[in-house]
Amino acid sequence: MTVSTPPRVLTVAGSDSGGGAGIQADLKTMLAMGVHGMSVIAAVTAQNSLGVQGYWELPPEAVRAQLDSVLGDIGAQAVKTGMLASPALVEIVADVLGGYAAPVVVDPVGVSKHGDSLLAPEAVETLRTRLLPLAAVATPNLWEVEQLTSVKVEDEEGLRRAADAVLELGPTWALIKGGHLPGAPVDLLTDGTSEYRFAAERLDNRHTHGTGCTLASAIASRLALGDDVPAAVGKAKEYVTGAIARGFPLGAGIGPVDHAWPWR
């Protein structure tokens, strides 16, 4: 029997002790997408269904060592970044990925699902100027758009204005997630010329922990499998919508999406 190596995708993010978001969500998503997931842990969180009780950054040299170890030997066909916490960690990740030839999906994680801050205020400018210009796709939610660009979106008409503001920071494509707007959820993807809208029904399910991590990881996985950006986003959106529909209760708060839903 001939065994072939699947495409490889690297996530650089924080660890979620509750298993619903961060590194744990990324690796589950990558498995579901059919790629080999690898991880560089940038921070460790203590969190559960009720919120984030604390987080601790790894030393910058530990993050660089992980990046050099994985990319120097195994390599990756795509990279996803999530929680990076501090200016020093953003700088190191940007420095390494700036010299690596693989598409980067940047999820500019600023706060948790519960509203807990996961990015130091002084790191926002570093993320804006050093990491976003490297992104093949940036995937901010509406709060992160406002944090990065000062553009506040209050309705679907504002999504394109937000996307244009994000594109000015340097990513090739911007995917603005409009799920927090009233009405049916709509996400807008554009490179400044082409525009795609991805609509879905609003699901009656409060267990949505990990949606942003899951979407970004699914996009990176589809890029590694050879899809172009619009196709990758479309397939990732289908996957995360199914995962939200089957999100389950866990603990006393907000439960996670179901990353294994295609198999159940």
C-alpha atoms as a PDB file:
ATOM      1  CA  MET A   1       0.000   0.000   0.000  1.00  0.00           C
ATOM      2  CA  THR A   2       1.298   3.436  -0.960  1.00  0.00           C
ATOM      3  CA  VAL A   3       0.943   6.033   1.768  1.00  0.00           C
ATOM      4  CA  SER A   4       0.938   9.707   0.789  1.00  0.00           C
ATOM      5  CA  THR A   5       1.583  12.633   3.092  1.00  0.00           C
ATOM      6  CA  PRO A   6      -1.410  14.969   3.426  1.00  0.00           C
ATOM      7  CA  PRO A   7      -0.996  18.739   3.041  1.00  0.00           C
ATOM      8  CA  ARG A   8       0.422  20.346   6.193  1.00  0.00           C
ATOM      9  CA  VAL A   9      -1.040  23.368   7.964  1.00  0.00           C
ATOM     10  CA  LEU A  10       0.547  25.200  10.887  1.00  0.00           C
ATOM     11  CA  THR A  11      -1.384  27.104  13.538  1.00  0.00           C
ATOM     12  CA  VAL A  12       0.336  29.745  15.669  1.00  0.00           C
ATOM     13  CA  ALA A  13      -2.031  30.594  18.493  1.00  0.00           C
ATOM     14  CA  GLY A  14      -2.959  30.208  22.150  1.00  0.00           C
ATOM     15  CA  SER A  15      -3.966  27.033  23.943  1.00  0.00           C
ATOM     16  CA  ASP A  16      -7.567  26.808  25.193  1.00  0.00           C
ATOM     17  CA  SER A  17      -7.731  24.574  28.268  1.00  0.00           C
ATOM     18  CA  GLY A  18     -11.468  24.091  27.660  1.00  0.00           C
ATOM     19  CA  GLY A  19     -10.801  22.603  24.217  1.00  0.00           C
ATOM     20  CA  GLY A  20     -13.261  24.730  22.239  1.00  0.00           C
ATOM     21  CA  ALA A  21     -11.096  27.421  20.658  1.00  0.00           C
ATOM     22  CA  GLY A  22      -7.445  28.243  20.014  1.00  0.00           C
ATOM     23  CA  ILE A  23      -4.916  25.546  19.210  1.00  0.00           C
ATOM     24  CA  GLN A  24      -7.357  22.796  20.140  1.00  0.00           C
ATOM     25  CA  ALA A  25     -10.073  24.037  17.776  1.00  0.00           C
ATOM     26  CA  ASP A  26      -7.505  24.582  15.034  1.00  0.00           C
ATOM     27  CA  LEU A  27      -6.162  21.027  15.161  1.00  0.00           C
ATOM     28  CA  LYS A  28      -9.645  19.501  15.289  1.00  0.00           C
ATOM     29  CA  THR A  29     -10.664  21.565  12.260  1.00  0.00           C
ATOM     30  CA  MET A  30      -7.558  20.574  10.329  1.00  0.00           C
ATOM     31  CA  LEU A  31      -8.233  16.893  11.005  1.00  0.00           C
ATOM     32  CA  ALA A  32     -11.813  17.306   9.778  1.00  0.00           C
ATOM     33  CA  MET A  33     -10.529  19.047   6.628  1.00  0.00           C
ATOM     34  CA  GLY A  34      -8.146  16.185   5.821  1.00  0.00           C
ATOM     35  CA  VAL A  35      -4.827  17.956   6.397  1.00  0.00           C
ATOM     36  CA  HIS A  36      -2.019  17.368   8.880  1.00  0.00           C
ATOM     37  CA  GLY A  37      -2.194  20.017  11.594  1.00  0.00           C
ATOM     38  CA  MET A  38       0.862  21.310  13.461  1.00  0.00           C
ATOM     39  CA  SER A  39       1.067  23.861  16.247  1.00  0.00           C
ATOM     40  CA  VAL A  40       3.195  26.658  17.650  1.00  0.00           C
ATOM     41  CA  ILE A  41       1.815  27.611  21.052  1.00  0.00           C
ATOM     42  CA  ALA A  42       2.212  31.334  21.717  1.00  0.00           C
ATOM     43  CA  ALA A  43       0.269  31.535  24.973  1.00  0.00           C
ATOM     44  CA  VAL A  44      -1.481  29.306  27.484  1.00  0.00           C
ATOM     45  CA  THR A  45      -4.923  30.224  28.782  1.00  0.00           C
ATOM     46  CA  ALA A  46      -6.930  29.079  31.749  1.00  0.00           C
ATOM     47  CA  GLN A  47     -10.450  29.127  30.382  1.00  0.00           C
ATOM     48  CA  ASN A  48     -13.700  27.240  30.443  1.00  0.00           C
ATOM     49  CA  SER A  49     -17.284  27.724  29.294  1.00  0.00           C
ATOM     50  CA  LEU A  50     -17.641  30.756  31.582  1.00  0.00           C
ATOM     51  CA  GLY A  51     -14.686  32.797  30.336  1.00  0.00           C
ATOM     52  CA  VAL A  52     -10.924  33.279  30.469  1.00  0.00           C
ATOM     53  CA  GLN A  53      -9.546  33.248  33.987  1.00  0.00           C
ATOM     54  CA  GLY A  54      -5.994  34.100  32.914  1.00  0.00           C
ATOM     55  CA  TYR A  55      -3.346  33.775  30.218  1.00  0.00           C
ATOM     56  CA  TRP A  56       0.419  33.523  30.124  1.00  0.00           C
ATOM     57  CA  GLU A  57       2.585  34.245  27.100  1.00  0.00           C
ATOM     58  CA  LEU A  58       5.373  31.866  26.205  1.00  0.00           C
ATOM     59  CA  PRO A  59       8.872  33.372  26.060  1.00  0.00           C
ATOM     60  CA  PRO A  60       9.623  34.816  22.609  1.00  0.00           C
ATOM     61  CA  GLU A  61      12.566  32.437  22.174  1.00  0.00           C
ATOM     62  CA  ALA A  62      10.241  29.465  22.747  1.00  0.00           C
ATOM     63  CA  VAL A  63       7.861  30.662  20.035  1.00  0.00           C
ATOM     64  CA  ARG A  64      10.712  31.247  17.587  1.00  0.00           C
ATOM     65  CA  ALA A  65      12.164  27.812  18.368  1.00  0.00           C
ATOM     66  CA  GLN A  66       8.831  26.137  17.636  1.00  0.00           C
ATOM     67  CA  LEU A  67       8.487  28.000  14.340  1.00  0.00           C
ATOM     68  CA  ASP A  68      12.027  27.160  13.254  1.00  0.00           C
ATOM     69  CA  SER A  69      11.612  23.521  14.291  1.00  0.00           C
ATOM     70  CA  VAL A  70       8.400  22.889  12.345  1.00  0.00           C
ATOM     71  CA  LEU A  71       9.077  25.005   9.269  1.00  0.00           C
ATOM     72  CA  GLY A  72      12.741  24.017   9.022  1.00  0.00           C
ATOM     73  CA  ASP A  73      12.039  20.284   8.884  1.00  0.00           C
ATOM     74  CA  ILE A  74       8.398  19.536   8.078  1.00  0.00           C
ATOM     75  CA  GLY A  75       7.237  22.666   6.283  1.00  0.00           C
ATOM     76  CA  ALA A  76       3.684  23.880   5.724  1.00  0.00           C
ATOM     77  CA  GLN A  77       1.435  24.568   2.750  1.00  0.00           C
ATOM     78  CA  ALA A  78      -0.498  27.173   4.759  1.00  0.00           C
ATOM     79  CA  VAL A  79      -0.268  28.930   8.116  1.00  0.00           C
ATOM     80  CA  LYS A  80      -2.996  30.274  10.401  1.00  0.00           C
ATOM     81  CA  THR A  81      -2.327  32.762  13.184  1.00  0.00           C
ATOM     82  CA  GLY A  82      -4.600  33.430  16.136  1.00  0.00           C
ATOM     83  CA  MET A  83      -3.960  34.726  19.648  1.00  0.00           C
ATOM     84  CA  LEU A  84      -0.472  36.268  19.790  1.00  0.00           C
ATOM     85  CA  ALA A  85      -0.964  38.367  22.943  1.00  0.00           C
ATOM     86  CA  SER A  86       2.024  40.756  22.881  1.00  0.00           C
ATOM     87  CA  PRO A  87       4.069  42.975  20.541  1.00  0.00           C
ATOM     88  CA  ALA A  88       7.141  40.757  20.976  1.00  0.00           C
ATOM     89  CA  LEU A  89       5.275  37.637  19.880  1.00  0.00           C
ATOM     90  CA  VAL A  90       3.662  39.394  16.917  1.00  0.00           C
ATOM     91  CA  GLU A  91       7.102  40.658  15.849  1.00  0.00           C
ATOM     92  CA  ILE A  92       8.665  37.191  15.984  1.00  0.00           C
ATOM     93  CA  VAL A  93       5.831  35.534  14.087  1.00  0.00           C
ATOM     94  CA  ALA A  94       5.881  38.267  11.425  1.00  0.00           C
ATOM     95  CA  ASP A  95       9.656  38.029  11.129  1.00  0.00           C
ATOM     96  CA  VAL A  96       9.593  34.276  10.508  1.00  0.00           C
ATOM     97  CA  LEU A  97       6.491  34.135   8.289  1.00  0.00           C
ATOM     98  CA  GLY A  98       7.673  37.116   6.236  1.00  0.00           C
ATOM     99  CA  GLY A  99      10.450  34.914   4.898  1.00  0.00           C
ATOM    100  CA  TYR A 100       8.324  31.803   4.353  1.00  0.00           C
ATOM    101  CA  ALA A 101       6.512  31.060   1.091  1.00  0.00           C
ATOM    102  CA  ALA A 102       3.079  29.857   2.192  1.00  0.00           C
ATOM    103  CA  PRO A 103      -0.284  31.646   2.400  1.00  0.00           C
ATOM    104  CA  VAL A 104      -1.013  33.050   5.852  1.00  0.00           C
ATOM    105  CA  VAL A 105      -4.520  33.374   7.258  1.00  0.00           C
ATOM    106  CA  VAL A 106      -4.518  35.993  10.024  1.00  0.00           C
ATOM    107  CA  ASP A 107      -7.291  35.823  12.592  1.00  0.00           C
ATOM    108  CA  PRO A 108      -6.554  39.050  14.534  1.00  0.00           C
ATOM    109  CA  VAL A 109      -7.798  37.733  17.864  1.00  0.00           C
ATOM    110  CA  GLY A 110      -8.503  40.582  20.259  1.00  0.00           C
ATOM    111  CA  VAL A 111     -11.092  39.237  22.690  1.00  0.00           C
ATOM    112  CA  SER A 112     -12.611  35.892  23.625  1.00  0.00           C
ATOM    113  CA  LYS A 113     -16.215  34.881  23.007  1.00  0.00           C
ATOM    114  CA  HIS A 114     -16.934  36.063  26.564  1.00  0.00           C
ATOM    115  CA  GLY A 115     -15.383  39.511  26.018  1.00  0.00           C
ATOM    116  CA  ASP A 116     -12.075  38.794  27.775  1.00  0.00           C
ATOM    117  CA  SER A 117      -9.073  40.622  26.287  1.00  0.00           C
ATOM    118  CA  LEU A 118      -6.513  38.357  24.594  1.00  0.00           C
ATOM    119  CA  LEU A 119      -4.312  41.022  22.994  1.00  0.00           C
ATOM    120  CA  ALA A 120      -2.331  43.665  24.860  1.00  0.00           C
ATOM    121  CA  PRO A 121      -3.371  47.176  23.735  1.00  0.00           C
ATOM    122  CA  GLU A 122       0.214  47.976  22.749  1.00  0.00           C
ATOM    123  CA  ALA A 123       0.245  44.939  20.418  1.00  0.00           C
ATOM    124  CA  VAL A 124      -2.524  46.285  18.179  1.00  0.00           C
ATOM    125  CA  GLU A 125      -0.202  48.573  16.237  1.00  0.00           C
ATOM    126  CA  THR A 126       2.348  45.780  15.773  1.00  0.00           C
ATOM    127  CA  LEU A 127      -0.365  43.478  14.462  1.00  0.00           C
ATOM    128  CA  ARG A 128      -1.580  46.233  12.154  1.00  0.00           C
ATOM    129  CA  THR A 129       1.816  47.112  10.690  1.00  0.00           C
ATOM    130  CA  ARG A 130       3.824  43.884  10.839  1.00  0.00           C
ATOM    131  CA  LEU A 131       1.491  40.906  10.505  1.00  0.00           C
ATOM    132  CA  LEU A 132      -1.528  42.009   8.477  1.00  0.00           C
ATOM    133  CA  PRO A 133       0.624  42.978   5.457  1.00  0.00           C
ATOM    134  CA  LEU A 134       1.711  39.318   5.257  1.00  0.00           C
ATOM    135  CA  ALA A 135      -1.829  37.932   5.185  1.00  0.00           C
ATOM    136  CA  ALA A 136      -3.314  36.201   2.185  1.00  0.00           C
ATOM    137  CA  VAL A 137      -6.599  36.482   4.094  1.00  0.00           C
ATOM    138  CA  ALA A 138      -7.470  38.483   7.214  1.00  0.00           C
ATOM    139  CA  THR A 139     -10.609  37.373   9.083  1.00  0.00           C
ATOM    140  CA  PRO A 140     -11.627  40.040  11.624  1.00  0.00           C
ATOM    141  CA  ASN A 141     -14.979  40.174  13.331  1.00  0.00           C
ATOM    142  CA  LEU A 142     -16.689  43.540  13.705  1.00  0.00           C
ATOM    143  CA  TRP A 143     -15.103  44.338  17.067  1.00  0.00           C
ATOM    144  CA  GLU A 144     -11.649  43.544  15.670  1.00  0.00           C
ATOM    145  CA  VAL A 145     -12.332  45.728  12.614  1.00  0.00           C
ATOM    146  CA  GLU A 146     -13.050  48.639  14.935  1.00  0.00           C
ATOM    147  CA  GLN A 147      -9.958  47.871  17.029  1.00  0.00           C
ATOM    148  CA  LEU A 148      -7.717  47.809  13.947  1.00  0.00           C
ATOM    149  CA  THR A 149      -9.230  50.566  11.801  1.00  0.00           C
ATOM    150  CA  SER A 150     -11.610  52.628  13.998  1.00  0.00           C
ATOM    151  CA  VAL A 151     -14.392  51.784  11.507  1.00  0.00           C
ATOM    152  CA  LYS A 152     -17.619  50.853  13.288  1.00  0.00           C
ATOM    153  CA  VAL A 153     -20.063  48.680  11.341  1.00  0.00           C
ATOM    154  CA  GLU A 154     -23.732  48.862  12.294  1.00  0.00           C
ATOM    155  CA  ASP A 155     -25.423  47.266   9.285  1.00  0.00           C
ATOM    156  CA  GLU A 156     -24.664  45.133   6.232  1.00  0.00           C
ATOM    157  CA  GLU A 157     -24.015  48.214   4.094  1.00  0.00           C
ATOM    158  CA  GLY A 158     -21.001  48.981   6.275  1.00  0.00           C
ATOM    159  CA  LEU A 159     -19.245  45.694   5.582  1.00  0.00           C
ATOM    160  CA  ARG A 160     -17.555  46.896   2.384  1.00  0.00           C
ATOM    161  CA  ARG A 161     -16.344  50.073   4.064  1.00  0.00           C
ATOM    162  CA  ALA A 162     -14.838  47.917   6.807  1.00  0.00           C
ATOM    163  CA  ALA A 163     -13.223  45.579   4.287  1.00  0.00           C
ATOM    164  CA  ASP A 164     -11.641  48.469   2.407  1.00  0.00           C
ATOM    165  CA  ALA A 165     -10.220  49.844   5.653  1.00  0.00           C
ATOM    166  CA  VAL A 166      -8.722  46.443   6.510  1.00  0.00           C
ATOM    167  CA  LEU A 167      -7.280  46.065   2.997  1.00  0.00           C
ATOM    168  CA  GLU A 168      -5.451  49.362   3.464  1.00  0.00           C
ATOM    169  CA  LEU A 169      -3.414  47.584   6.145  1.00  0.00           C
ATOM    170  CA  GLY A 170      -1.976  45.204   3.565  1.00  0.00           C
ATOM    171  CA  PRO A 171      -3.722  41.806   3.404  1.00  0.00           C
ATOM    172  CA  THR A 172      -4.530  40.469  -0.065  1.00  0.00           C
ATOM    173  CA  TRP A 173      -8.093  39.541   0.911  1.00  0.00           C
ATOM    174  CA  ALA A 174     -10.311  40.706   3.779  1.00  0.00           C
ATOM    175  CA  LEU A 175     -13.131  38.551   5.129  1.00  0.00           C
ATOM    176  CA  ILE A 176     -15.364  40.666   7.358  1.00  0.00           C
ATOM    177  CA  LYS A 177     -17.532  38.507   9.591  1.00  0.00           C
ATOM    178  CA  GLY A 178     -20.965  40.048  10.016  1.00  0.00           C
ATOM    179  CA  GLY A 179     -22.537  37.500  12.328  1.00  0.00           C
ATOM    180  CA  HIS A 180     -23.085  40.023  15.126  1.00  0.00           C
ATOM    181  CA  LEU A 181     -25.241  42.281  12.960  1.00  0.00           C
ATOM    182  CA  PRO A 182     -29.050  41.995  13.175  1.00  0.00           C
ATOM    183  CA  GLY A 183     -30.783  39.833  10.617  1.00  0.00           C
ATOM    184  CA  ALA A 184     -29.427  36.868   8.684  1.00  0.00           C
ATOM    185  CA  PRO A 185     -25.643  36.507   9.073  1.00  0.00           C
ATOM    186  CA  VAL A 186     -23.589  37.706   6.093  1.00  0.00           C
ATOM    187  CA  ASP A 187     -19.804  37.649   5.702  1.00  0.00           C
ATOM    188  CA  LEU A 188     -18.128  39.768   3.024  1.00  0.00           C
ATOM    189  CA  LEU A 189     -14.927  38.735   1.215  1.00  0.00           C
ATOM    190  CA  THR A 190     -13.066  41.093  -1.108  1.00  0.00           C
ATOM    191  CA  ASP A 191      -9.624  41.813  -2.492  1.00  0.00           C
ATOM    192  CA  GLY A 192     -10.689  45.341  -3.376  1.00  0.00           C
ATOM    193  CA  THR A 193     -11.871  44.349  -6.843  1.00  0.00           C
ATOM    194  CA  SER A 194     -13.887  41.135  -6.607  1.00  0.00           C
ATOM    195  CA  GLU A 195     -16.550  40.822  -3.923  1.00  0.00           C
ATOM    196  CA  TYR A 196     -18.274  37.736  -2.510  1.00  0.00           C
ATOM    197  CA  ARG A 197     -20.991  37.515   0.130  1.00  0.00           C
ATOM    198  CA  PHE A 198     -21.582  34.374   2.146  1.00  0.00           C
ATOM    199  CA  ALA A 199     -25.011  34.192   3.752  1.00  0.00           C
ATOM    200  CA  ALA A 200     -26.362  31.637   6.195  1.00  0.00           C
ATOM    201  CA  GLU A 201     -29.442  31.207   8.327  1.00  0.00           C
ATOM    202  CA  ARG A 202     -29.226  32.407  11.926  1.00  0.00           C
ATOM    203  CA  LEU A 203     -29.129  29.292  14.065  1.00  0.00           C
ATOM    204  CA  ASP A 204     -30.879  29.120  17.424  1.00  0.00           C
ATOM    205  CA  ASN A 205     -27.835  27.863  19.318  1.00  0.00           C
ATOM    206  CA  ARG A 206     -25.846  29.751  21.953  1.00  0.00           C
ATOM    207  CA  HIS A 207     -22.994  27.207  21.919  1.00  0.00           C
ATOM    208  CA  THR A 208     -20.664  28.983  19.498  1.00  0.00           C
ATOM    209  CA  HIS A 209     -17.312  29.017  21.290  1.00  0.00           C
ATOM    210  CA  GLY A 210     -14.454  28.699  18.774  1.00  0.00           C
ATOM    211  CA  THR A 211     -16.208  29.881  15.621  1.00  0.00           C
ATOM    212  CA  GLY A 212     -13.521  32.388  14.599  1.00  0.00           C
ATOM    213  CA  CYS A 213     -10.634  29.976  15.148  1.00  0.00           C
ATOM    214  CA  THR A 214     -12.521  27.235  13.330  1.00  0.00           C
ATOM    215  CA  LEU A 215     -13.320  29.390  10.300  1.00  0.00           C
ATOM    216  CA  ALA A 216      -9.755  30.674   9.895  1.00  0.00           C
ATOM    217  CA  SER A 217      -8.286  27.190  10.283  1.00  0.00           C
ATOM    218  CA  ALA A 218     -10.725  25.758   7.761  1.00  0.00           C
ATOM    219  CA  ILE A 219      -9.758  28.470   5.257  1.00  0.00           C
ATOM    220  CA  ALA A 220      -6.052  27.728   5.752  1.00  0.00           C
ATOM    221  CA  SER A 221      -6.726  24.018   5.322  1.00  0.00           C
ATOM    222  CA  ARG A 222      -8.614  24.525   2.076  1.00  0.00           C
ATOM    223  CA  LEU A 223      -5.816  26.765   0.755  1.00  0.00           C
ATOM    224  CA  ALA A 224      -3.329  23.991   1.539  1.00  0.00           C
ATOM    225  CA  LEU A 225      -5.548  21.582  -0.386  1.00  0.00           C
ATOM    226  CA  GLY A 226      -5.292  23.830  -3.452  1.00  0.00           C
ATOM    227  CA  ASP A 227      -8.451  25.959  -3.397  1.00  0.00           C
ATOM    228  CA  ASP A 228      -8.300  29.613  -4.370  1.00  0.00           C
ATOM    229  CA  VAL A 229      -9.389  32.082  -1.699  1.00  0.00           C
ATOM    230  CA  PRO A 230     -13.090  32.450  -2.622  1.00  0.00           C
ATOM    231  CA  ALA A 231     -13.525  28.674  -2.885  1.00  0.00           C
ATOM    232  CA  ALA A 232     -11.616  28.120   0.368  1.00  0.00           C
ATOM    233  CA  VAL A 233     -13.817  30.618   2.207  1.00  0.00           C
ATOM    234  CA  GLY A 234     -16.995  29.113   0.769  1.00  0.00           C
ATOM    235  CA  LYS A 235     -16.098  25.577   1.875  1.00  0.00           C
ATOM    236  CA  ALA A 236     -14.876  26.800   5.253  1.00  0.00           C
ATOM    237  CA  LYS A 237     -18.138  28.675   5.753  1.00  0.00           C
ATOM    238  CA  GLU A 238     -20.137  25.507   5.024  1.00  0.00           C
ATOM    239  CA  TYR A 239     -18.059  23.571   7.551  1.00  0.00           C
ATOM    240  CA  VAL A 240     -18.352  26.131  10.342  1.00  0.00           C
ATOM    241  CA  THR A 241     -22.096  26.568   9.761  1.00  0.00           C
ATOM    242  CA  GLY A 242     -22.545  22.829  10.261  1.00  0.00           C
ATOM    243  CA  ALA A 243     -20.361  22.955  13.352  1.00  0.00           C
ATOM    244  CA  ILE A 244     -22.422  25.802  14.846  1.00  0.00           C
ATOM    245  CA  ALA A 245     -25.677  23.971  14.117  1.00  0.00           C
ATOM    246  CA  ARG A 246     -24.417  21.062  16.225  1.00  0.00           C
ATOM    247  CA  GLY A 247     -22.740  23.075  18.979  1.00  0.00           C
ATOM    248  CA  PHE A 248     -23.297  21.387  22.328  1.00  0.00           C
ATOM    249  CA  PRO A 249     -23.554  22.407  25.994  1.00  0.00           C
ATOM    250  CA  LEU A 250     -20.389  22.083  28.044  1.00  0.00           C
ATOM    251  CA  GLY A 251     -20.012  23.326  31.606  1.00  0.00           C
ATOM    252  CA  ALA A 252     -22.247  26.097  32.898  1.00  0.00           C
ATOM    253  CA  GLY A 253     -21.665  28.669  30.124  1.00  0.00           C
ATOM    254  CA  ILE A 254     -21.170  28.808  26.358  1.00  0.00           C
ATOM    255  CA  GLY A 255     -20.354  25.445  24.809  1.00  0.00           C
ATOM    256  CA  PRO A 256     -18.209  24.793  21.721  1.00  0.00           C
ATOM    257  CA  VAL A 257     -19.102  24.178  18.120  1.00  0.00           C
ATOM    258  CA  ASP A 258     -18.884  20.528  17.067  1.00  0.00           C
ATOM    259  CA  HIS A 259     -15.735  20.079  14.986  1.00  0.00           C
ATOM    260  CA  ALA A 260     -16.538  16.411  14.362  1.00  0.00           C
ATOM    261  CA  TRP A 261     -20.014  17.008  12.968  1.00  0.00           C
ATOM    262  CA  PRO A 262     -19.277  15.555   9.486  1.00  0.00           C
ATOM    263  CA  TRP A 263     -18.621  12.179  11.149  1.00  0.00           C
ATOM    264  CA  ARG A 264     -21.589  12.073  13.530  1.00  0.00           C
END
